Amino acid sequence: MTAFAWSLAAWAALALAMDRHHETVLARVLPPARGRRLRWLAGGLLLAALAHAVAMQGVSFGPLLWSASVVTSGLATVLLLTWWPERLPALAALAWLAGTAAALVS
């Protein structure tokens, strides 16, 4: 759950770091500094998801779980950008909160 949620938030941050998606979703121009922060945030979330998956499932199964989570959350992000682009920031924030809550519980 945590790996999927953090990966979804990371993909959303990466999508919003692109000029085209940022303008479509938020209806404003992407400043360069914000794009850099979003890319760093996405990288940190992906690394945190990998670390958590390895910590919970071990070195043998953790990376497999992480990669499956990255792929499925990427697909979910593409579907969100296609059908509900205006909901992407809110759902990404919700995914980050849900992943963090699940990580704290486990």
C-alpha atoms as a PDB file:
ATOM      1  CA  MET A   1       0.000   0.000   0.000  1.00  0.00           C
ATOM      2  CA  THR A   2       2.710   2.471   0.977  1.00  0.00           C
ATOM      3  CA  ALA A   3       4.841   1.779  -2.080  1.00  0.00           C
ATOM      4  CA  PHE A   4       1.857   2.250  -4.384  1.00  0.00           C
ATOM      5  CA  ALA A   5       0.664   5.429  -2.673  1.00  0.00           C
ATOM      6  CA  TRP A   6       4.091   7.076  -2.605  1.00  0.00           C
ATOM      7  CA  SER A   7       4.719   6.011  -6.206  1.00  0.00           C
ATOM      8  CA  LEU A   8       1.410   7.548  -7.268  1.00  0.00           C
ATOM      9  CA  ALA A   9       2.351  10.806  -5.549  1.00  0.00           C
ATOM     10  CA  ALA A  10       5.775  10.658  -7.234  1.00  0.00           C
ATOM     11  CA  TRP A  11       4.313  10.124 -10.709  1.00  0.00           C
ATOM     12  CA  ALA A  12       1.905  12.990 -10.121  1.00  0.00           C
ATOM     13  CA  ALA A  13       4.808  15.232  -9.087  1.00  0.00           C
ATOM     14  CA  LEU A  14       6.741  14.208 -12.194  1.00  0.00           C
ATOM     15  CA  ALA A  15       3.725  14.901 -14.388  1.00  0.00           C
ATOM     16  CA  LEU A  16       3.211  18.308 -12.797  1.00  0.00           C
ATOM     17  CA  ALA A  17       6.911  19.067 -13.349  1.00  0.00           C
ATOM     18  CA  MET A  18       6.221  19.051 -17.099  1.00  0.00           C
ATOM     19  CA  ASP A  19       5.103  22.338 -18.653  1.00  0.00           C
ATOM     20  CA  ARG A  20       2.254  20.795 -20.626  1.00  0.00           C
ATOM     21  CA  HIS A  21       0.675  18.905 -17.745  1.00  0.00           C
ATOM     22  CA  HIS A  22       1.231  21.740 -15.266  1.00  0.00           C
ATOM     23  CA  GLU A  23      -0.636  24.160 -17.512  1.00  0.00           C
ATOM     24  CA  THR A  24      -3.411  21.656 -18.201  1.00  0.00           C
ATOM     25  CA  VAL A  25      -3.954  20.733 -14.560  1.00  0.00           C
ATOM     26  CA  LEU A  26      -3.292  24.022 -12.770  1.00  0.00           C
ATOM     27  CA  ALA A  27      -3.965  26.526 -15.601  1.00  0.00           C
ATOM     28  CA  ARG A  28      -0.752  28.467 -14.996  1.00  0.00           C
ATOM     29  CA  VAL A  29       2.807  28.532 -16.266  1.00  0.00           C
ATOM     30  CA  LEU A  30       5.358  26.326 -14.526  1.00  0.00           C
ATOM     31  CA  PRO A  31       8.188  28.340 -12.964  1.00  0.00           C
ATOM     32  CA  PRO A  32      11.595  26.618 -13.370  1.00  0.00           C
ATOM     33  CA  ALA A  33      12.221  26.476  -9.609  1.00  0.00           C
ATOM     34  CA  ARG A  34       8.912  24.716  -8.985  1.00  0.00           C
ATOM     35  CA  GLY A  35       9.681  22.188 -11.714  1.00  0.00           C
ATOM     36  CA  ARG A  36      13.010  21.366 -10.044  1.00  0.00           C
ATOM     37  CA  ARG A  37      11.351  21.007  -6.628  1.00  0.00           C
ATOM     38  CA  LEU A  38       8.694  18.699  -8.066  1.00  0.00           C
ATOM     39  CA  ARG A  39      11.343  16.502  -9.719  1.00  0.00           C
ATOM     40  CA  TRP A  40      13.341  16.293  -6.473  1.00  0.00           C
ATOM     41  CA  LEU A  41      10.165  15.465  -4.551  1.00  0.00           C
ATOM     42  CA  ALA A  42       9.315  12.710  -7.016  1.00  0.00           C
ATOM     43  CA  GLY A  43      12.788  11.206  -6.756  1.00  0.00           C
ATOM     44  CA  GLY A  44      12.647  11.294  -2.978  1.00  0.00           C
ATOM     45  CA  LEU A  45       9.237   9.654  -2.917  1.00  0.00           C
ATOM     46  CA  LEU A  46      10.376   6.872  -5.241  1.00  0.00           C
ATOM     47  CA  LEU A  47      13.462   6.224  -3.109  1.00  0.00           C
ATOM     48  CA  ALA A  48      11.359   6.264   0.063  1.00  0.00           C
ATOM     49  CA  ALA A  49       8.923   3.797  -1.508  1.00  0.00           C
ATOM     50  CA  LEU A  50      11.806   1.508  -2.472  1.00  0.00           C
ATOM     51  CA  ALA A  51      13.345   1.713   0.994  1.00  0.00           C
ATOM     52  CA  HIS A  52      10.031   0.966   2.646  1.00  0.00           C
ATOM     53  CA  ALA A  53       9.282  -1.962   0.342  1.00  0.00           C
ATOM     54  CA  VAL A  54      12.708  -3.464   1.048  1.00  0.00           C
ATOM     55  CA  ALA A  55      12.311  -2.878   4.789  1.00  0.00           C
ATOM     56  CA  MET A  56       8.899  -4.560   4.854  1.00  0.00           C
ATOM     57  CA  GLN A  57       9.448  -7.421   2.385  1.00  0.00           C
ATOM     58  CA  GLY A  58      13.201  -7.968   2.405  1.00  0.00           C
ATOM     59  CA  VAL A  59      15.807  -7.692  -0.305  1.00  0.00           C
ATOM     60  CA  SER A  60      14.435 -10.596  -2.331  1.00  0.00           C
ATOM     61  CA  PHE A  61      10.810  -9.489  -2.690  1.00  0.00           C
ATOM     62  CA  GLY A  62      10.902  -5.764  -1.839  1.00  0.00           C
ATOM     63  CA  PRO A  63      12.299  -4.516  -5.167  1.00  0.00           C
ATOM     64  CA  LEU A  64       9.779  -6.660  -7.051  1.00  0.00           C
ATOM     65  CA  LEU A  65       6.914  -5.202  -5.021  1.00  0.00           C
ATOM     66  CA  TRP A  66       8.311  -1.707  -5.576  1.00  0.00           C
ATOM     67  CA  SER A  67       8.632  -2.131  -9.337  1.00  0.00           C
ATOM     68  CA  ALA A  68       5.079  -3.490  -9.593  1.00  0.00           C
ATOM     69  CA  SER A  69       3.862  -0.533  -7.545  1.00  0.00           C
ATOM     70  CA  VAL A  70       5.729   1.927  -9.763  1.00  0.00           C
ATOM     71  CA  VAL A  71       4.227   0.429 -12.916  1.00  0.00           C
ATOM     72  CA  THR A  72       0.641   0.296 -11.636  1.00  0.00           C
ATOM     73  CA  SER A  73       0.795   3.760 -10.102  1.00  0.00           C
ATOM     74  CA  GLY A  74       2.220   5.106 -13.368  1.00  0.00           C
ATOM     75  CA  LEU A  75      -0.744   3.647 -15.207  1.00  0.00           C
ATOM     76  CA  ALA A  76      -3.106   5.147 -12.642  1.00  0.00           C
ATOM     77  CA  THR A  77      -1.470   8.556 -13.090  1.00  0.00           C
ATOM     78  CA  VAL A  78      -1.847   8.363 -16.870  1.00  0.00           C
ATOM     79  CA  LEU A  79      -5.515   7.481 -16.469  1.00  0.00           C
ATOM     80  CA  LEU A  80      -6.014  10.346 -14.016  1.00  0.00           C
ATOM     81  CA  LEU A  81      -4.332  12.790 -16.401  1.00  0.00           C
ATOM     82  CA  THR A  82      -6.566  11.558 -19.194  1.00  0.00           C
ATOM     83  CA  TRP A  83      -9.950  11.567 -17.468  1.00  0.00           C
ATOM     84  CA  TRP A  84      -9.632  13.733 -14.333  1.00  0.00           C
ATOM     85  CA  PRO A  85      -6.681  16.083 -14.729  1.00  0.00           C
ATOM     86  CA  GLU A  86      -8.112  18.652 -12.329  1.00  0.00           C
ATOM     87  CA  ARG A  87      -8.266  16.016  -9.556  1.00  0.00           C
ATOM     88  CA  LEU A  88      -4.637  14.926  -9.875  1.00  0.00           C
ATOM     89  CA  PRO A  89      -3.113  17.275  -7.237  1.00  0.00           C
ATOM     90  CA  ALA A  90      -5.745  16.423  -4.632  1.00  0.00           C
ATOM     91  CA  LEU A  91      -5.514  12.686  -5.250  1.00  0.00           C
ATOM     92  CA  ALA A  92      -1.711  12.834  -5.171  1.00  0.00           C
ATOM     93  CA  ALA A  93      -1.796  14.624  -1.822  1.00  0.00           C
ATOM     94  CA  LEU A  94      -4.291  12.061  -0.528  1.00  0.00           C
ATOM     95  CA  ALA A  95      -2.074   9.221  -1.761  1.00  0.00           C
ATOM     96  CA  TRP A  96       0.940  10.733  -0.023  1.00  0.00           C
ATOM     97  CA  LEU A  97      -1.005  11.087   3.243  1.00  0.00           C
ATOM     98  CA  ALA A  98      -2.400   7.546   2.995  1.00  0.00           C
ATOM     99  CA  GLY A  99       1.043   6.134   2.269  1.00  0.00           C
ATOM    100  CA  THR A 100       2.595   8.008   5.156  1.00  0.00           C
ATOM    101  CA  ALA A 101      -0.150   6.875   7.535  1.00  0.00           C
ATOM    102  CA  ALA A 102       0.272   3.276   6.370  1.00  0.00           C
ATOM    103  CA  ALA A 103       4.042   3.513   6.825  1.00  0.00           C
ATOM    104  CA  LEU A 104       3.635   4.823  10.366  1.00  0.00           C
ATOM    105  CA  VAL A 105       1.205   2.044  11.269  1.00  0.00           C
ATOM    106  CA  SER A 106       3.388  -0.768   9.902  1.00  0.00           C
END
